[in-house]
Amino acid sequence: MSGISESEFEKVADVELRRLIDALDELGDEIDPELQMGVLSILFEDGTKFVVNSHRAARQIWMAADRRAWHFDYREGRWLTSSDDELWSSLTAVLASKLGSDVSLAAS
């Protein structure tokens, strides 16, 4: 579990999910991102769904995509897994793989 308080987690997780949806909205019509109550759903034309959500009890952001799952802790101002995979780069990689093209997510 992350060493930040629950209230601090809620603030930083909410900001991160909002930054992600803003970046995803810039990708165009190939995906349909939606953020509701701490759950960011990314829908594809073929019906596939990726999910990025805040998990308050664990104080982590979780991502599920392509039959895989990641759990990101907030450390040193970034969201990282225990093996140091970073949230934005991980999401970019799975999106690029799914879409079959380069993807660039610009953080706002």
C-alpha atoms as a PDB file:
ATOM      1  CA  MET A   1       0.000   0.000   0.000  1.00  0.00           C
ATOM      2  CA  SER A   2       1.187   3.485  -0.836  1.00  0.00           C
ATOM      3  CA  GLY A   3       2.501   5.632   2.011  1.00  0.00           C
ATOM      4  CA  ILE A   4       0.125   8.529   1.310  1.00  0.00           C
ATOM      5  CA  SER A   5      -3.027   9.333   3.249  1.00  0.00           C
ATOM      6  CA  GLU A   6      -6.429   8.412   1.880  1.00  0.00           C
ATOM      7  CA  SER A   7      -7.380  12.053   1.295  1.00  0.00           C
ATOM      8  CA  GLU A   8      -4.106  12.776  -0.509  1.00  0.00           C
ATOM      9  CA  PHE A   9      -4.564   9.615  -2.579  1.00  0.00           C
ATOM     10  CA  GLU A  10      -8.044  10.719  -3.619  1.00  0.00           C
ATOM     11  CA  LYS A  11      -6.709  14.101  -4.748  1.00  0.00           C
ATOM     12  CA  VAL A  12      -3.750  12.820  -6.773  1.00  0.00           C
ATOM     13  CA  ALA A  13      -5.661   9.870  -8.263  1.00  0.00           C
ATOM     14  CA  ASP A  14      -8.533  12.112  -9.364  1.00  0.00           C
ATOM     15  CA  VAL A  15      -6.124  14.567 -10.987  1.00  0.00           C
ATOM     16  CA  GLU A  16      -4.316  11.738 -12.777  1.00  0.00           C
ATOM     17  CA  LEU A  17      -7.502  10.167 -14.132  1.00  0.00           C
ATOM     18  CA  ARG A  18      -8.698  13.564 -15.375  1.00  0.00           C
ATOM     19  CA  ARG A  19      -5.340  14.173 -17.077  1.00  0.00           C
ATOM     20  CA  LEU A  20      -5.588  10.751 -18.702  1.00  0.00           C
ATOM     21  CA  ILE A  21      -9.086  11.301 -20.080  1.00  0.00           C
ATOM     22  CA  ASP A  22      -8.069  14.701 -21.451  1.00  0.00           C
ATOM     23  CA  ALA A  23      -5.135  13.055 -23.258  1.00  0.00           C
ATOM     24  CA  LEU A  24      -7.305  10.173 -24.501  1.00  0.00           C
ATOM     25  CA  ASP A  25      -9.914  12.595 -25.844  1.00  0.00           C
ATOM     26  CA  GLU A  26      -7.202  13.972 -28.146  1.00  0.00           C
ATOM     27  CA  LEU A  27      -6.633  10.580 -29.832  1.00  0.00           C
ATOM     28  CA  GLY A  28      -9.691  10.859 -32.038  1.00  0.00           C
ATOM     29  CA  ASP A  29     -12.524   8.548 -32.971  1.00  0.00           C
ATOM     30  CA  GLU A  30     -10.750   5.197 -32.624  1.00  0.00           C
ATOM     31  CA  ILE A  31     -11.548   5.073 -28.916  1.00  0.00           C
ATOM     32  CA  ASP A  32     -14.341   6.285 -26.668  1.00  0.00           C
ATOM     33  CA  PRO A  33     -12.999   7.183 -23.201  1.00  0.00           C
ATOM     34  CA  GLU A  34     -15.393   7.826 -20.329  1.00  0.00           C
ATOM     35  CA  LEU A  35     -14.657   8.773 -16.714  1.00  0.00           C
ATOM     36  CA  GLN A  36     -17.269   8.144 -14.024  1.00  0.00           C
ATOM     37  CA  MET A  37     -16.757   7.910 -10.271  1.00  0.00           C
ATOM     38  CA  GLY A  38     -13.053   7.089 -10.424  1.00  0.00           C
ATOM     39  CA  VAL A  39     -13.383   4.569 -13.263  1.00  0.00           C
ATOM     40  CA  LEU A  40     -11.908   5.418 -16.662  1.00  0.00           C
ATOM     41  CA  SER A  41     -13.302   3.121 -19.355  1.00  0.00           C
ATOM     42  CA  ILE A  42     -11.737   3.080 -22.804  1.00  0.00           C
ATOM     43  CA  LEU A  43     -14.060   1.521 -25.374  1.00  0.00           C
ATOM     44  CA  PHE A  44     -12.945   0.390 -28.826  1.00  0.00           C
ATOM     45  CA  GLU A  45     -15.005  -0.024 -31.986  1.00  0.00           C
ATOM     46  CA  ASP A  46     -14.735  -3.838 -31.729  1.00  0.00           C
ATOM     47  CA  GLY A  47     -16.323  -3.835 -28.251  1.00  0.00           C
ATOM     48  CA  THR A  48     -13.077  -4.275 -26.318  1.00  0.00           C
ATOM     49  CA  LYS A  49     -12.789  -2.282 -23.093  1.00  0.00           C
ATOM     50  CA  PHE A  50      -9.710  -1.229 -21.121  1.00  0.00           C
ATOM     51  CA  VAL A  51     -10.233   0.059 -17.573  1.00  0.00           C
ATOM     52  CA  VAL A  52      -8.122   2.376 -15.426  1.00  0.00           C
ATOM     53  CA  ASN A  53      -9.512   3.033 -11.962  1.00  0.00           C
ATOM     54  CA  SER A  54      -8.601   4.389  -8.579  1.00  0.00           C
ATOM     55  CA  HIS A  55      -8.677   1.806  -5.818  1.00  0.00           C
ATOM     56  CA  ARG A  56      -9.023   3.721  -2.571  1.00  0.00           C
ATOM     57  CA  ALA A  57      -8.549   0.780  -0.190  1.00  0.00           C
ATOM     58  CA  ALA A  58      -5.196  -0.147  -1.732  1.00  0.00           C
ATOM     59  CA  ARG A  59      -4.343   3.493  -2.541  1.00  0.00           C
ATOM     60  CA  GLN A  60      -3.423   2.445  -6.046  1.00  0.00           C
ATOM     61  CA  ILE A  61      -4.505   3.052  -9.604  1.00  0.00           C
ATOM     62  CA  TRP A  62      -5.349  -0.241 -11.299  1.00  0.00           C
ATOM     63  CA  MET A  63      -5.337  -0.877 -15.027  1.00  0.00           C
ATOM     64  CA  ALA A  64      -6.803  -3.855 -16.877  1.00  0.00           C
ATOM     65  CA  ALA A  65      -6.111  -4.283 -20.592  1.00  0.00           C
ATOM     66  CA  ASP A  66      -5.529  -7.190 -22.961  1.00  0.00           C
ATOM     67  CA  ARG A  67      -6.076  -9.807 -20.231  1.00  0.00           C
ATOM     68  CA  ARG A  68      -3.387  -8.201 -18.055  1.00  0.00           C
ATOM     69  CA  ALA A  69      -3.534  -6.110 -14.913  1.00  0.00           C
ATOM     70  CA  TRP A  70      -1.265  -3.502 -13.355  1.00  0.00           C
ATOM     71  CA  HIS A  71      -1.327  -1.953  -9.884  1.00  0.00           C
ATOM     72  CA  PHE A  72       0.321   1.474  -9.696  1.00  0.00           C
ATOM     73  CA  ASP A  73       1.482   3.092  -6.441  1.00  0.00           C
ATOM     74  CA  TYR A  74       2.081   6.826  -6.132  1.00  0.00           C
ATOM     75  CA  ARG A  75       5.827   7.284  -5.581  1.00  0.00           C
ATOM     76  CA  GLU A  76       8.025  10.292  -6.161  1.00  0.00           C
ATOM     77  CA  GLY A  77       5.227  12.104  -7.979  1.00  0.00           C
ATOM     78  CA  ARG A  78       4.595   9.239 -10.441  1.00  0.00           C
ATOM     79  CA  TRP A  79       2.354   6.176 -10.664  1.00  0.00           C
ATOM     80  CA  LEU A  80       4.610   3.090 -10.726  1.00  0.00           C
ATOM     81  CA  THR A  81       4.186  -0.670 -10.380  1.00  0.00           C
ATOM     82  CA  SER A  82       6.431  -2.690  -8.091  1.00  0.00           C
ATOM     83  CA  SER A  83       8.577  -3.418 -11.171  1.00  0.00           C
ATOM     84  CA  ASP A  84       8.716   0.334 -12.000  1.00  0.00           C
ATOM     85  CA  ASP A  85       6.340   0.245 -14.982  1.00  0.00           C
ATOM     86  CA  GLU A  86       4.893   3.747 -15.289  1.00  0.00           C
ATOM     87  CA  LEU A  87       1.156   4.373 -15.788  1.00  0.00           C
ATOM     88  CA  TRP A  88       1.303   6.639 -18.847  1.00  0.00           C
ATOM     89  CA  SER A  89       3.911   4.592 -20.697  1.00  0.00           C
ATOM     90  CA  SER A  90       2.071   1.340 -19.879  1.00  0.00           C
ATOM     91  CA  LEU A  91      -1.235   2.725 -21.141  1.00  0.00           C
ATOM     92  CA  THR A  92       0.456   4.123 -24.252  1.00  0.00           C
ATOM     93  CA  ALA A  93       1.990   0.704 -25.003  1.00  0.00           C
ATOM     94  CA  VAL A  94      -1.282  -1.241 -24.677  1.00  0.00           C
ATOM     95  CA  LEU A  95      -3.169   1.345 -26.725  1.00  0.00           C
ATOM     96  CA  ALA A  96      -0.542   1.238 -29.490  1.00  0.00           C
ATOM     97  CA  SER A  97      -0.683  -2.552 -29.517  1.00  0.00           C
ATOM     98  CA  LYS A  98      -4.479  -2.591 -29.672  1.00  0.00           C
ATOM     99  CA  LEU A  99      -4.740   0.129 -32.329  1.00  0.00           C
ATOM    100  CA  GLY A 100      -1.820  -1.167 -34.389  1.00  0.00           C
ATOM    101  CA  SER A 101      -0.236   2.265 -34.648  1.00  0.00           C
ATOM    102  CA  ASP A 102       1.957   4.647 -32.695  1.00  0.00           C
ATOM    103  CA  VAL A 103       0.146   6.451 -29.891  1.00  0.00           C
ATOM    104  CA  SER A 104       1.246   9.596 -28.142  1.00  0.00           C
ATOM    105  CA  LEU A 105      -0.496  10.602 -24.944  1.00  0.00           C
ATOM    106  CA  ALA A 106       0.269  14.202 -24.063  1.00  0.00           C
ATOM    107  CA  ALA A 107      -0.071  14.959 -20.352  1.00  0.00           C
ATOM    108  CA  SER A 108      -1.794  18.246 -19.676  1.00  0.00           C
END
